[in-house]
C-alpha cells in the first residue's frame, strides 16, 4: 500500500502543478490586460519578489497534487466502509489543502475568508463525491446486469 500511495503522489504532483498553471492562465485571461498573473499580489509581497512567490507556489502546487494523488489510494481499502474511506480521504485532503491555500493567499486572511474557503471546499467535495458515487453505482449495476444476462444466456 505504501508503494501505491507513493506512486499516486508522484502522479498527482505534476497534475497539481498543471492545474495550478491552468488556473493562473485562466485568471490572467479573465483579467484581460495582456499580462500574465502567476501569483496573487499578497504572495509576491510576502516572498519579497515575484520569482520567489512563483517558486513557492510551484512547490506548494506539487505538494497539493501529491496529497490528492496519494489520498486516492484510500478508495482501494476494500476492508473499510465507504463512510470510513470518505472521512479519511476528506480529512487527508482538507488538512493538506487548507494550509497551502492559506499561505498562498488563495483566500482572504479573515474569519469570513477562511469560513468561505471551508464552505466552498466542502461544497465542491460533496458534489464531486456524489457524482463519483452515482457513477460507480451505475457501473456496478451495469456489471451486475451483464452477469445476470450472461448467466441466463448460458443456460
Protein backbone atom coordinates (compact mmCIF):
# COMPACT_ATOMS: atom_id res chain seq x y z
CA UNK A 1 0.00 0.00 0.00
CA UNK A 2 2.86 2.41 0.79
CA UNK A 3 4.26 1.91 -2.70
CA UNK A 4 0.84 2.60 -4.23
CA UNK A 5 0.44 5.81 -2.19
CA UNK A 6 3.95 6.92 -3.19
CA UNK A 7 3.30 6.25 -6.88
CA UNK A 8 -0.01 8.11 -6.71
CA UNK A 9 1.79 11.05 -5.08
CA UNK A 10 4.30 11.05 -7.95
CA UNK A 11 1.46 11.11 -10.47
CA UNK A 12 -0.55 13.69 -8.51
CA UNK A 13 2.29 16.20 -8.12
CA UNK A 14 2.58 17.19 -11.81
CA UNK A 15 -1.21 17.17 -12.10
CA UNK A 16 -1.39 19.64 -9.19
CA UNK A 17 1.22 21.82 -10.88
CA UNK A 18 -0.63 21.67 -14.20
CA UNK A 19 -3.96 22.61 -12.64
CA UNK A 20 -2.32 25.49 -10.77
CA UNK A 21 -0.78 26.77 -14.00
CA UNK A 22 -4.06 26.49 -15.89
CA UNK A 23 -5.86 28.39 -13.12
CA UNK A 24 -3.34 31.25 -13.26
CA UNK A 25 -3.63 31.31 -17.05
CA UNK A 26 -7.44 31.44 -16.92
CA UNK A 27 -7.33 34.20 -14.29
CA UNK A 28 -4.91 36.17 -16.48
CA UNK A 29 -7.23 35.76 -19.48
CA UNK A 30 -10.25 36.86 -17.41
CA UNK A 31 -8.41 39.97 -16.16
CA UNK A 32 -7.66 40.67 -19.85
CA UNK A 33 -4.87 43.24 -19.54
CA UNK A 34 -2.43 41.40 -21.80
CA UNK A 35 -0.31 40.32 -18.81
CA UNK A 36 0.24 37.01 -17.07
CA UNK A 37 -0.55 36.92 -13.34
CA UNK A 38 1.27 33.86 -11.92
CA UNK A 39 0.54 34.58 -8.24
CA UNK A 40 -1.64 36.80 -6.11
CA UNK A 41 -0.03 40.15 -5.23
CA UNK A 42 -0.06 39.37 -1.47
CA UNK A 43 2.18 36.33 -2.07
CA UNK A 44 4.65 38.46 -4.02
CA UNK A 45 4.81 40.91 -1.12
CA UNK A 46 5.20 38.06 1.39
CA UNK A 47 8.02 36.44 -0.63
CA UNK A 48 9.82 39.68 -1.46
CA UNK A 49 9.57 39.29 -5.23
CA UNK A 50 7.53 37.57 -7.91
CA UNK A 51 10.13 34.89 -8.73
CA UNK A 52 10.28 33.68 -5.12
CA UNK A 53 6.48 33.70 -4.99
CA UNK A 54 6.23 31.63 -8.18
CA UNK A 55 8.79 29.14 -6.87
CA UNK A 56 6.93 28.79 -3.57
CA UNK A 57 3.57 28.41 -5.32
CA UNK A 58 5.05 25.80 -7.67
CA UNK A 59 6.37 23.73 -4.77
CA UNK A 60 3.06 24.05 -2.92
CA UNK A 61 1.10 23.09 -6.06
CA UNK A 62 3.26 19.98 -6.39
CA UNK A 63 2.59 19.10 -2.73
CA UNK A 64 -1.12 19.81 -3.19
CA UNK A 65 -1.33 17.48 -6.17
CA UNK A 66 0.75 14.81 -4.42
CA UNK A 67 -1.58 14.90 -1.42
CA UNK A 68 -4.64 14.49 -3.62
CA UNK A 69 -2.97 11.71 -5.60
CA UNK A 70 -1.81 9.83 -2.52
CA UNK A 71 -5.17 10.19 -0.81
CA UNK A 72 -6.87 8.48 -3.74
CA UNK A 73 -5.41 5.16 -2.56
CA UNK A 74 -7.93 5.29 0.30
CA UNK A 75 -10.67 4.29 -2.13
CA UNK A 76 -8.99 0.92 -2.64
CA UNK A 77 -9.11 -0.07 1.03
CA UNK A 78 -11.72 -2.77 0.50
CA UNK A 79 -11.87 -3.69 4.19
CA UNK A 80 -13.01 -0.13 5.03
CA UNK A 81 -16.58 1.06 4.80
CA UNK A 82 -17.47 3.80 2.34
CA UNK A 83 -18.04 6.12 5.31
CA UNK A 84 -14.55 5.47 6.71
CA UNK A 85 -12.96 5.88 3.27
CA UNK A 86 -14.79 9.17 2.75
CA UNK A 87 -13.88 10.55 6.18
CA UNK A 88 -10.19 9.59 5.89
CA UNK A 89 -9.95 10.89 2.30
CA UNK A 90 -11.69 14.15 3.16
CA UNK A 91 -9.50 14.66 6.25
CA UNK A 92 -6.27 13.98 4.36
CA UNK A 93 -7.02 16.38 1.53
CA UNK A 94 -8.58 19.10 3.67
CA UNK A 95 -5.69 19.03 6.17
CA UNK A 96 -3.19 19.29 3.32
CA UNK A 97 -5.19 21.75 1.19
CA UNK A 98 -6.13 24.32 3.83
CA UNK A 99 -2.61 25.39 4.93
CA UNK A 100 -1.45 25.62 1.33
CA UNK A 101 -4.48 27.68 0.31
CA UNK A 102 -3.97 29.93 3.34
CA UNK A 103 -0.25 30.53 2.87
CA UNK A 104 -0.59 31.02 -0.89
CA UNK A 105 -3.22 33.71 -0.21
CA UNK A 106 -5.78 31.78 -2.23
CA UNK A 107 -8.29 33.01 0.36
CA UNK A 108 -8.64 36.24 2.31
CA UNK A 109 -6.92 36.10 5.69
CA UNK A 110 -10.02 36.89 7.70
CA UNK A 111 -12.67 34.93 9.55
CA UNK A 112 -15.11 35.22 6.63
CA UNK A 113 -12.42 34.44 4.08
CA UNK A 114 -11.50 31.24 5.91
CA UNK A 115 -15.15 30.33 6.53
CA UNK A 116 -15.92 30.94 2.85
CA UNK A 117 -12.99 28.80 1.74
CA UNK A 118 -14.04 25.94 4.02
CA UNK A 119 -17.67 26.16 2.86
CA UNK A 120 -16.67 26.19 -0.83
CA UNK A 121 -14.18 23.35 -0.29
CA UNK A 122 -16.74 21.07 1.33
CA UNK A 123 -19.47 22.08 -1.14
CA UNK A 124 -17.24 21.11 -4.07
CA UNK A 125 -16.03 17.97 -2.27
CA UNK A 126 -19.62 16.86 -1.61
CA UNK A 127 -20.75 17.26 -5.21
CA UNK A 128 -17.66 15.58 -6.65
CA UNK A 129 -18.11 12.73 -4.16
CA UNK A 130 -21.81 12.47 -5.04
CA UNK A 131 -21.03 12.37 -8.76
CA UNK A 132 -18.40 9.67 -8.24
CA UNK A 133 -20.76 7.69 -6.02
CA UNK A 134 -23.54 7.59 -8.62
CA UNK A 135 -21.09 6.87 -11.45
CA UNK A 136 -19.70 3.90 -9.51
CA UNK A 137 -23.21 2.75 -8.60
CA UNK A 138 -24.17 2.77 -12.30
CA UNK A 139 -21.02 0.79 -13.22
CA UNK A 140 -21.83 -1.80 -10.57
CA UNK A 141 -25.43 -2.02 -11.76
CA UNK A 142 -24.30 -2.45 -15.37
CA UNK A 143 -21.80 -5.12 -14.31
CA UNK A 144 -24.45 -6.98 -12.31
CA UNK A 145 -26.91 -6.76 -15.23
CA UNK A 146 -24.26 -8.20 -17.57
CA UNK A 147 -23.52 -11.05 -15.15
CA UNK A 148 -27.25 -11.84 -14.88
CA UNK A 149 -27.76 -11.76 -18.65
CA UNK A 150 -24.66 -13.90 -19.23
CA UNK A 151 -25.86 -16.48 -16.72
CA UNK A 152 -29.34 -16.54 -18.32
CA UNK A 153 -27.87 -16.85 -21.82
CA UNK A 154 -25.53 -19.69 -20.80
CA UNK A 155 -28.40 -21.93 -19.64
